[in-house]
C-alpha atoms as a PDB file:
ATOM      1  CA  UNK A   1       3.431 -23.877   1.663  1.00  0.00           C
ATOM      2  CA  UNK A   2       4.541 -24.169   5.437  1.00  0.00           C
ATOM      3  CA  UNK A   3       3.565 -21.502   8.015  1.00  0.00           C
ATOM      4  CA  UNK A   4       7.317 -20.502   8.318  1.00  0.00           C
ATOM      5  CA  UNK A   5       7.605 -19.832   4.593  1.00  0.00           C
ATOM      6  CA  UNK A   6       4.501 -17.803   4.576  1.00  0.00           C
ATOM      7  CA  UNK A   7       5.603 -15.739   7.444  1.00  0.00           C
ATOM      8  CA  UNK A   8       9.058 -15.095   5.633  1.00  0.00           C
ATOM      9  CA  UNK A   9       7.320 -14.254   2.363  1.00  0.00           C
ATOM     10  CA  UNK A  10       5.119 -11.689   4.277  1.00  0.00           C
ATOM     11  CA  UNK A  11       8.058 -10.137   5.874  1.00  0.00           C
ATOM     12  CA  UNK A  12       9.898  -9.686   2.701  1.00  0.00           C
ATOM     13  CA  UNK A  13       6.982  -7.882   1.333  1.00  0.00           C
ATOM     14  CA  UNK A  14       6.935  -5.290   4.103  1.00  0.00           C
ATOM     15  CA  UNK A  15       8.516  -1.912   3.131  1.00  0.00           C
ATOM     16  CA  UNK A  16      11.658  -0.984   5.018  1.00  0.00           C
ATOM     17  CA  UNK A  17      11.958   2.538   6.718  1.00  0.00           C
ATOM     18  CA  UNK A  18      15.276   3.879   7.961  1.00  0.00           C
ATOM     19  CA  UNK A  19      14.813   6.429  10.795  1.00  0.00           C
ATOM     20  CA  UNK A  20      17.761   8.715  11.618  1.00  0.00           C
ATOM     21  CA  UNK A  21      17.469  11.049  14.745  1.00  0.00           C
ATOM     22  CA  UNK A  22      19.757  11.675  17.507  1.00  0.00           C
ATOM     23  CA  UNK A  23      17.036  12.130  20.039  1.00  0.00           C
ATOM     24  CA  UNK A  24      16.342   8.571  21.498  1.00  0.00           C
ATOM     25  CA  UNK A  25      12.904   9.416  22.586  1.00  0.00           C
ATOM     26  CA  UNK A  26      11.838  10.568  19.044  1.00  0.00           C
ATOM     27  CA  UNK A  27      13.283   7.269  17.613  1.00  0.00           C
ATOM     28  CA  UNK A  28      11.492   5.023  20.128  1.00  0.00           C
ATOM     29  CA  UNK A  29       8.021   6.627  19.516  1.00  0.00           C
ATOM     30  CA  UNK A  30       8.409   6.819  15.756  1.00  0.00           C
ATOM     31  CA  UNK A  31       9.659   3.307  15.433  1.00  0.00           C
ATOM     32  CA  UNK A  32       6.850   2.005  17.503  1.00  0.00           C
ATOM     33  CA  UNK A  33       4.330   3.889  15.396  1.00  0.00           C
ATOM     34  CA  UNK A  34       5.771   2.820  12.195  1.00  0.00           C
ATOM     35  CA  UNK A  35       6.080  -0.766  13.283  1.00  0.00           C
ATOM     36  CA  UNK A  36       2.495  -0.795  14.109  1.00  0.00           C
ATOM     37  CA  UNK A  37       1.591   0.590  10.764  1.00  0.00           C
ATOM     38  CA  UNK A  38       3.273  -2.428   9.211  1.00  0.00           C
ATOM     39  CA  UNK A  39       6.742  -1.142   8.247  1.00  0.00           C
ATOM     40  CA  UNK A  40      10.013  -2.769   9.067  1.00  0.00           C
ATOM     41  CA  UNK A  41      11.853  -0.012  10.835  1.00  0.00           C
ATOM     42  CA  UNK A  42      15.687   0.508  11.227  1.00  0.00           C
ATOM     43  CA  UNK A  43      17.193   3.273  13.289  1.00  0.00           C
ATOM     44  CA  UNK A  44      20.374   5.315  13.511  1.00  0.00           C
ATOM     45  CA  UNK A  45      21.492   7.932  16.158  1.00  0.00           C
ATOM     46  CA  UNK A  46      23.984   9.835  13.944  1.00  0.00           C
ATOM     47  CA  UNK A  47      24.698  10.363  10.227  1.00  0.00           C
ATOM     48  CA  UNK A  48      27.529   7.895   9.941  1.00  0.00           C
ATOM     49  CA  UNK A  49      25.484   5.409  11.325  1.00  0.00           C
ATOM     50  CA  UNK A  50      22.494   6.303   9.076  1.00  0.00           C
ATOM     51  CA  UNK A  51      24.682   5.807   5.926  1.00  0.00           C
ATOM     52  CA  UNK A  52      25.994   2.558   7.104  1.00  0.00           C
ATOM     53  CA  UNK A  53      22.407   1.398   7.825  1.00  0.00           C
ATOM     54  CA  UNK A  54      21.227   2.653   4.425  1.00  0.00           C
ATOM     55  CA  UNK A  55      23.907   0.474   2.659  1.00  0.00           C
ATOM     56  CA  UNK A  56      23.106  -2.424   4.888  1.00  0.00           C
ATOM     57  CA  UNK A  57      19.424  -2.598   4.766  1.00  0.00           C
ATOM     58  CA  UNK A  58      18.562  -0.970   1.450  1.00  0.00           C
ATOM     59  CA  UNK A  59      15.367   0.734   2.776  1.00  0.00           C
ATOM     60  CA  UNK A  60      12.388   1.777   0.759  1.00  0.00           C
ATOM     61  CA  UNK A  61      12.232   5.329   2.522  1.00  0.00           C
ATOM     62  CA  UNK A  62      14.663   7.291   4.707  1.00  0.00           C
ATOM     63  CA  UNK A  63      13.472   9.716   7.495  1.00  0.00           C
ATOM     64  CA  UNK A  64      16.432  12.005   8.426  1.00  0.00           C
ATOM     65  CA  UNK A  65      16.636  14.515  11.100  1.00  0.00           C
ATOM     66  CA  UNK A  66      18.615  17.530   9.908  1.00  0.00           C
ATOM     67  CA  UNK A  67      20.700  18.215  13.009  1.00  0.00           C
ATOM     68  CA  UNK A  68      22.743  14.998  13.756  1.00  0.00           C
ATOM     69  CA  UNK A  69      26.185  14.337  15.241  1.00  0.00           C
ATOM     70  CA  UNK A  70      28.970  13.256  13.018  1.00  0.00           C
ATOM     71  CA  UNK A  71      27.291  13.808   9.878  1.00  0.00           C
ATOM     72  CA  UNK A  72      24.096  16.047   9.402  1.00  0.00           C
ATOM     73  CA  UNK A  73      21.108  15.253   7.416  1.00  0.00           C
ATOM     74  CA  UNK A  74      22.444  17.144   4.505  1.00  0.00           C
ATOM     75  CA  UNK A  75      25.512  15.066   4.313  1.00  0.00           C
ATOM     76  CA  UNK A  76      23.601  11.873   4.471  1.00  0.00           C
ATOM     77  CA  UNK A  77      21.288  13.117   1.742  1.00  0.00           C
ATOM     78  CA  UNK A  78      24.225  13.779  -0.317  1.00  0.00           C
ATOM     79  CA  UNK A  79      25.640  10.302   0.251  1.00  0.00           C
ATOM     80  CA  UNK A  80      22.352   8.694  -0.553  1.00  0.00           C
ATOM     81  CA  UNK A  81      21.848  10.606  -3.690  1.00  0.00           C
ATOM     82  CA  UNK A  82      25.243   9.430  -5.023  1.00  0.00           C
ATOM     83  CA  UNK A  83      23.833   6.176  -5.668  1.00  0.00           C
ATOM     84  CA  UNK A  84      20.124   5.932  -4.947  1.00  0.00           C
ATOM     85  CA  UNK A  85      16.785   7.582  -5.729  1.00  0.00           C
ATOM     86  CA  UNK A  86      15.100   6.267  -2.649  1.00  0.00           C
ATOM     87  CA  UNK A  87      12.506   8.857  -1.282  1.00  0.00           C
ATOM     88  CA  UNK A  88      13.771  10.872   1.732  1.00  0.00           C
ATOM     89  CA  UNK A  89      11.757  12.854   4.165  1.00  0.00           C
ATOM     90  CA  UNK A  90      13.661  15.301   6.319  1.00  0.00           C
ATOM     91  CA  UNK A  91      12.785  16.472   9.820  1.00  0.00           C
ATOM     92  CA  UNK A  92      13.477  20.129  10.201  1.00  0.00           C
ATOM     93  CA  UNK A  93      12.899  22.973  12.978  1.00  0.00           C
ATOM     94  CA  UNK A  94       9.658  25.227  12.728  1.00  0.00           C
ATOM     95  CA  UNK A  95      11.353  28.534  12.081  1.00  0.00           C
ATOM     96  CA  UNK A  96      14.234  27.683   9.762  1.00  0.00           C
ATOM     97  CA  UNK A  97      12.927  27.917   6.293  1.00  0.00           C
ATOM     98  CA  UNK A  98      16.503  27.746   4.885  1.00  0.00           C
ATOM     99  CA  UNK A  99      16.771  24.109   6.475  1.00  0.00           C
ATOM    100  CA  UNK A 100      13.795  22.812   4.422  1.00  0.00           C
ATOM    101  CA  UNK A 101      15.063  24.480   1.267  1.00  0.00           C
ATOM    102  CA  UNK A 102      18.508  23.193   1.371  1.00  0.00           C
ATOM    103  CA  UNK A 103      17.232  19.636   2.101  1.00  0.00           C
ATOM    104  CA  UNK A 104      14.852  19.763  -1.000  1.00  0.00           C
ATOM    105  CA  UNK A 105      17.679  21.219  -3.105  1.00  0.00           C
ATOM    106  CA  UNK A 106      19.754  18.285  -2.126  1.00  0.00           C
ATOM    107  CA  UNK A 107      17.330  15.723  -3.258  1.00  0.00           C
ATOM    108  CA  UNK A 108      14.870  15.347  -0.319  1.00  0.00           C
ATOM    109  CA  UNK A 109      11.302  14.537  -1.529  1.00  0.00           C
ATOM    110  CA  UNK A 110       9.338  16.047   1.385  1.00  0.00           C
ATOM    111  CA  UNK A 111       9.781  17.462   4.825  1.00  0.00           C
ATOM    112  CA  UNK A 112       7.893  17.273   8.254  1.00  0.00           C
ATOM    113  CA  UNK A 113       8.257  20.458  10.696  1.00  0.00           C
ATOM    114  CA  UNK A 114       9.417  19.801  14.223  1.00  0.00           C
ATOM    115  CA  UNK A 115       7.373  19.487  16.730  1.00  0.00           C
ATOM    116  CA  UNK A 116       5.132  17.085  14.845  1.00  0.00           C
ATOM    117  CA  UNK A 117       2.799  14.186  15.807  1.00  0.00           C
ATOM    118  CA  UNK A 118       3.653  10.525  14.830  1.00  0.00           C
ATOM    119  CA  UNK A 119       0.410  10.465  13.011  1.00  0.00           C
ATOM    120  CA  UNK A 120       1.529  13.296  10.739  1.00  0.00           C
ATOM    121  CA  UNK A 121       4.763  11.642   9.933  1.00  0.00           C
ATOM    122  CA  UNK A 122       3.146   8.281   9.355  1.00  0.00           C
ATOM    123  CA  UNK A 123       0.795   9.865   6.842  1.00  0.00           C
ATOM    124  CA  UNK A 124       3.577  11.514   5.051  1.00  0.00           C
ATOM    125  CA  UNK A 125       5.543   8.246   4.849  1.00  0.00           C
ATOM    126  CA  UNK A 126       2.534   6.459   3.384  1.00  0.00           C
ATOM    127  CA  UNK A 127       1.813   9.244   0.841  1.00  0.00           C
ATOM    128  CA  UNK A 128       5.516   9.407  -0.320  1.00  0.00           C
ATOM    129  CA  UNK A 129       5.765   5.606  -0.631  1.00  0.00           C
ATOM    130  CA  UNK A 130       2.502   5.489  -2.568  1.00  0.00           C
ATOM    131  CA  UNK A 131       3.638   8.042  -4.993  1.00  0.00           C
ATOM    132  CA  UNK A 132       7.124   6.818  -5.479  1.00  0.00           C
ATOM    133  CA  UNK A 133       6.672   3.029  -5.786  1.00  0.00           C
ATOM    134  CA  UNK A 134       7.566   1.695  -9.175  1.00  0.00           C
ATOM    135  CA  UNK A 135       4.444   0.781 -10.921  1.00  0.00           C
ATOM    136  CA  UNK A 136       3.878  -1.296 -14.048  1.00  0.00           C
ATOM    137  CA  UNK A 137       0.530  -1.437 -15.821  1.00  0.00           C
ATOM    138  CA  UNK A 138      -0.204  -5.223 -16.580  1.00  0.00           C
ATOM    139  CA  UNK A 139      -2.711  -6.658 -18.996  1.00  0.00           C
ATOM    140  CA  UNK A 140      -4.853  -9.816 -18.141  1.00  0.00           C
ATOM    141  CA  UNK A 141      -2.032 -11.760 -19.797  1.00  0.00           C
ATOM    142  CA  UNK A 142       0.469 -10.444 -17.292  1.00  0.00           C
ATOM    143  CA  UNK A 143       2.499  -8.555 -19.816  1.00  0.00           C
ATOM    144  CA  UNK A 144       3.631  -4.861 -19.181  1.00  0.00           C
ATOM    145  CA  UNK A 145       1.823  -2.188 -21.126  1.00  0.00           C
ATOM    146  CA  UNK A 146       4.185   0.433 -22.131  1.00  0.00           C
ATOM    147  CA  UNK A 147       3.060   4.069 -22.291  1.00  0.00           C
ATOM    148  CA  UNK A 148       5.983   5.966 -23.867  1.00  0.00           C
ATOM    149  CA  UNK A 149       5.628   9.654 -24.554  1.00  0.00           C
ATOM    150  CA  UNK A 150       8.244  11.297 -26.617  1.00  0.00           C
ATOM    151  CA  UNK A 151       8.863  15.089 -26.858  1.00  0.00           C
ATOM    152  CA  UNK A 152      11.912  16.616 -28.670  1.00  0.00           C
ATOM    153  CA  UNK A 153      14.748  14.378 -27.713  1.00  0.00           C
ATOM    154  CA  UNK A 154      13.099  13.121 -24.335  1.00  0.00           C
ATOM    155  CA  UNK A 155      11.251   9.977 -23.893  1.00  0.00           C
ATOM    156  CA  UNK A 156       9.174   9.224 -20.921  1.00  0.00           C
ATOM    157  CA  UNK A 157       8.195   5.767 -20.079  1.00  0.00           C
ATOM    158  CA  UNK A 158       5.224   6.122 -17.684  1.00  0.00           C
ATOM    159  CA  UNK A 159       4.748   2.318 -17.115  1.00  0.00           C
ATOM    160  CA  UNK A 160       8.185   1.771 -15.999  1.00  0.00           C
ATOM    161  CA  UNK A 161       8.739   5.378 -14.554  1.00  0.00           C
ATOM    162  CA  UNK A 162      11.733   6.082 -16.469  1.00  0.00           C
ATOM    163  CA  UNK A 163      13.140   8.937 -18.457  1.00  0.00           C
ATOM    164  CA  UNK A 164      15.530   9.067 -21.402  1.00  0.00           C
ATOM    165  CA  UNK A 165      17.383  11.596 -23.399  1.00  0.00           C
ATOM    166  CA  UNK A 166      18.742  10.132 -26.782  1.00  0.00           C
ATOM    167  CA  UNK A 167      18.494   6.702 -25.139  1.00  0.00           C
ATOM    168  CA  UNK A 168      20.562   7.858 -22.128  1.00  0.00           C
ATOM    169  CA  UNK A 169      18.708   7.272 -18.835  1.00  0.00           C
ATOM    170  CA  UNK A 170      17.939  10.362 -16.679  1.00  0.00           C
ATOM    171  CA  UNK A 171      17.959   9.592 -12.880  1.00  0.00           C
ATOM    172  CA  UNK A 172      14.824  11.183 -11.386  1.00  0.00           C
ATOM    173  CA  UNK A 173      13.557  10.587  -7.861  1.00  0.00           C
ATOM    174  CA  UNK A 174      10.239   9.171  -7.255  1.00  0.00           C
ATOM    175  CA  UNK A 175       8.543  12.374  -6.572  1.00  0.00           C
ATOM    176  CA  UNK A 176      10.362  14.152  -9.536  1.00  0.00           C
ATOM    177  CA  UNK A 177       8.929  11.535 -11.839  1.00  0.00           C
ATOM    178  CA  UNK A 178       5.414  11.942 -10.212  1.00  0.00           C
ATOM    179  CA  UNK A 179       5.416  15.646 -10.643  1.00  0.00           C
ATOM    180  CA  UNK A 180       6.623  15.101 -14.288  1.00  0.00           C
ATOM    181  CA  UNK A 181       3.895  12.575 -14.898  1.00  0.00           C
ATOM    182  CA  UNK A 182       1.163  14.935 -13.596  1.00  0.00           C
ATOM    183  CA  UNK A 183       2.337  17.699 -15.823  1.00  0.00           C
ATOM    184  CA  UNK A 184       3.065  15.422 -19.087  1.00  0.00           C
ATOM    185  CA  UNK A 185      -0.345  13.703 -18.767  1.00  0.00           C
ATOM    186  CA  UNK A 186      -2.026  17.141 -18.683  1.00  0.00           C
ATOM    187  CA  UNK A 187       0.174  18.871 -21.344  1.00  0.00           C
ATOM    188  CA  UNK A 188      -0.954  22.573 -21.912  1.00  0.00           C
ATOM    189  CA  UNK A 189      -2.821  22.644 -18.604  1.00  0.00           C
ATOM    190  CA  UNK A 190      -1.539  25.021 -15.860  1.00  0.00           C
ATOM    191  CA  UNK A 191      -1.566  23.695 -12.298  1.00  0.00           C
ATOM    192  CA  UNK A 192      -1.147  26.003  -9.194  1.00  0.00           C
ATOM    193  CA  UNK A 193       1.330  25.099  -6.735  1.00  0.00           C
ATOM    194  CA  UNK A 194      -1.356  24.018  -4.279  1.00  0.00           C
ATOM    195  CA  UNK A 195      -3.005  21.751  -6.826  1.00  0.00           C
ATOM    196  CA  UNK A 196       0.365  20.102  -7.516  1.00  0.00           C
ATOM    197  CA  UNK A 197       0.816  19.556  -3.748  1.00  0.00           C
ATOM    198  CA  UNK A 198      -2.477  17.877  -3.521  1.00  0.00           C
ATOM    199  CA  UNK A 199      -1.983  15.754  -6.587  1.00  0.00           C
ATOM    200  CA  UNK A 200       1.538  14.634  -6.067  1.00  0.00           C
ATOM    201  CA  UNK A 201       2.315  15.059  -2.543  1.00  0.00           C
ATOM    202  CA  UNK A 202      -1.325  14.070  -1.393  1.00  0.00           C
ATOM    203  CA  UNK A 203      -1.697  16.972   0.919  1.00  0.00           C
ATOM    204  CA  UNK A 204      -5.217  17.687   1.778  1.00  0.00           C
ATOM    205  CA  UNK A 205      -6.457  21.134   0.585  1.00  0.00           C
ATOM    206  CA  UNK A 206      -6.378  22.602   4.069  1.00  0.00           C
ATOM    207  CA  UNK A 207      -3.101  21.602   4.816  1.00  0.00           C
ATOM    208  CA  UNK A 208      -0.558  24.511   5.150  1.00  0.00           C
ATOM    209  CA  UNK A 209       2.820  24.068   3.667  1.00  0.00           C
ATOM    210  CA  UNK A 210       5.386  26.160   2.060  1.00  0.00           C
ATOM    211  CA  UNK A 211       4.680  25.968  -1.632  1.00  0.00           C
ATOM    212  CA  UNK A 212       8.284  26.318  -2.435  1.00  0.00           C
ATOM    213  CA  UNK A 213       8.524  22.495  -2.204  1.00  0.00           C
ATOM    214  CA  UNK A 214       7.020  22.793  -5.691  1.00  0.00           C
ATOM    215  CA  UNK A 215       9.371  25.336  -6.920  1.00  0.00           C
ATOM    216  CA  UNK A 216      12.375  23.356  -5.778  1.00  0.00           C
ATOM    217  CA  UNK A 217      11.299  20.105  -7.519  1.00  0.00           C
ATOM    218  CA  UNK A 218      10.442  22.089 -10.745  1.00  0.00           C
ATOM    219  CA  UNK A 219      13.946  23.492 -10.566  1.00  0.00           C
ATOM    220  CA  UNK A 220      15.383  19.996 -10.092  1.00  0.00           C
ATOM    221  CA  UNK A 221      13.439  18.749 -13.046  1.00  0.00           C
ATOM    222  CA  UNK A 222      14.436  21.463 -15.377  1.00  0.00           C
ATOM    223  CA  UNK A 223      18.182  21.003 -14.377  1.00  0.00           C
ATOM    224  CA  UNK A 224      17.899  17.484 -15.476  1.00  0.00           C
ATOM    225  CA  UNK A 225      15.481  17.814 -18.678  1.00  0.00           C
ATOM    226  CA  UNK A 226      15.839  20.999 -20.143  1.00  0.00           C
ATOM    227  CA  UNK A 227      18.608  22.068 -22.566  1.00  0.00           C
ATOM    228  CA  UNK A 228      18.758  25.402 -21.107  1.00  0.00           C
ATOM    229  CA  UNK A 229      17.244  25.411 -17.534  1.00  0.00           C
ATOM    230  CA  UNK A 230      17.249  29.217 -17.304  1.00  0.00           C
ATOM    231  CA  UNK A 231      15.145  29.232 -20.484  1.00  0.00           C
ATOM    232  CA  UNK A 232      12.913  26.298 -20.396  1.00  0.00           C
ATOM    233  CA  UNK A 233      11.155  24.744 -23.279  1.00  0.00           C
ATOM    234  CA  UNK A 234       9.256  21.920 -21.650  1.00  0.00           C
ATOM    235  CA  UNK A 235       8.197  22.746 -18.145  1.00  0.00           C
ATOM    236  CA  UNK A 236       7.026  26.246 -18.284  1.00  0.00           C
ATOM    237  CA  UNK A 237       5.857  29.046 -15.738  1.00  0.00           C
ATOM    238  CA  UNK A 238       2.282  29.938 -16.187  1.00  0.00           C
ATOM    239  CA  UNK A 239       2.338  33.473 -14.732  1.00  0.00           C
ATOM    240  CA  UNK A 240      -0.011  34.068 -11.926  1.00  0.00           C
ATOM    241  CA  UNK A 241      -1.005  30.338 -11.829  1.00  0.00           C
ATOM    242  CA  UNK A 242       1.928  27.758 -11.369  1.00  0.00           C
ATOM    243  CA  UNK A 243       3.367  25.412 -14.002  1.00  0.00           C
ATOM    244  CA  UNK A 244       2.524  23.497 -17.080  1.00  0.00           C
ATOM    245  CA  UNK A 245       4.143  21.198 -19.527  1.00  0.00           C
ATOM    246  CA  UNK A 246       4.654  21.791 -23.243  1.00  0.00           C
ATOM    247  CA  UNK A 247       5.348  19.128 -25.695  1.00  0.00           C
ATOM    248  CA  UNK A 248       7.863  19.698 -28.426  1.00  0.00           C
ATOM    249  CA  UNK A 249       7.564  18.019 -31.984  1.00  0.00           C
END
């Protein structure tokens, strides 16, 4: 294999990040940092440009500022979620809790509060990509080993990270599946919100974050999996603790 072909293959293996923020200084700093970390980075300075860049470059992860001209981060998130489950991290102001919750409810996977250090964002990008990448379990022969869990009319393929109801696929974001996977693989065990943040979002135990991130993702999962989300049968609230999964025969 020639050197040029090897370089091309290496570049194709690099994960792509789309960074959308109307502040040029933030874009420059974060673009430099993420490129140094080994990512291909594409930037946009407004919401419409972000949607166009997303459709053109098909990134593996999107970082969105909430407040942008032409189309805000919420609008961009809505557009992306029409067709894609790609992970989204929103950048939000320190004091506005409603911004964070709204972004999560629309389908964002995580958030970073402004002001933040480039190192913090890099850590969140790495953690989210690690948890949301499609993973297939291979044997020594190269064949995929399926691990399918069936509960009621729900089938969960943990090898291909896919969920079905009566053979109809249910679209989950990567973080939604990672959360479901944690609960399903430990059916009957209750997890606190902080434990879930550590297992799924890879937050260190001493990291302070609004635990409503978990509540919003649980609500999103219930809306997709439960026959009656208001009276869940699969994903239960463990009072005084957090959440747990209950299998149905």
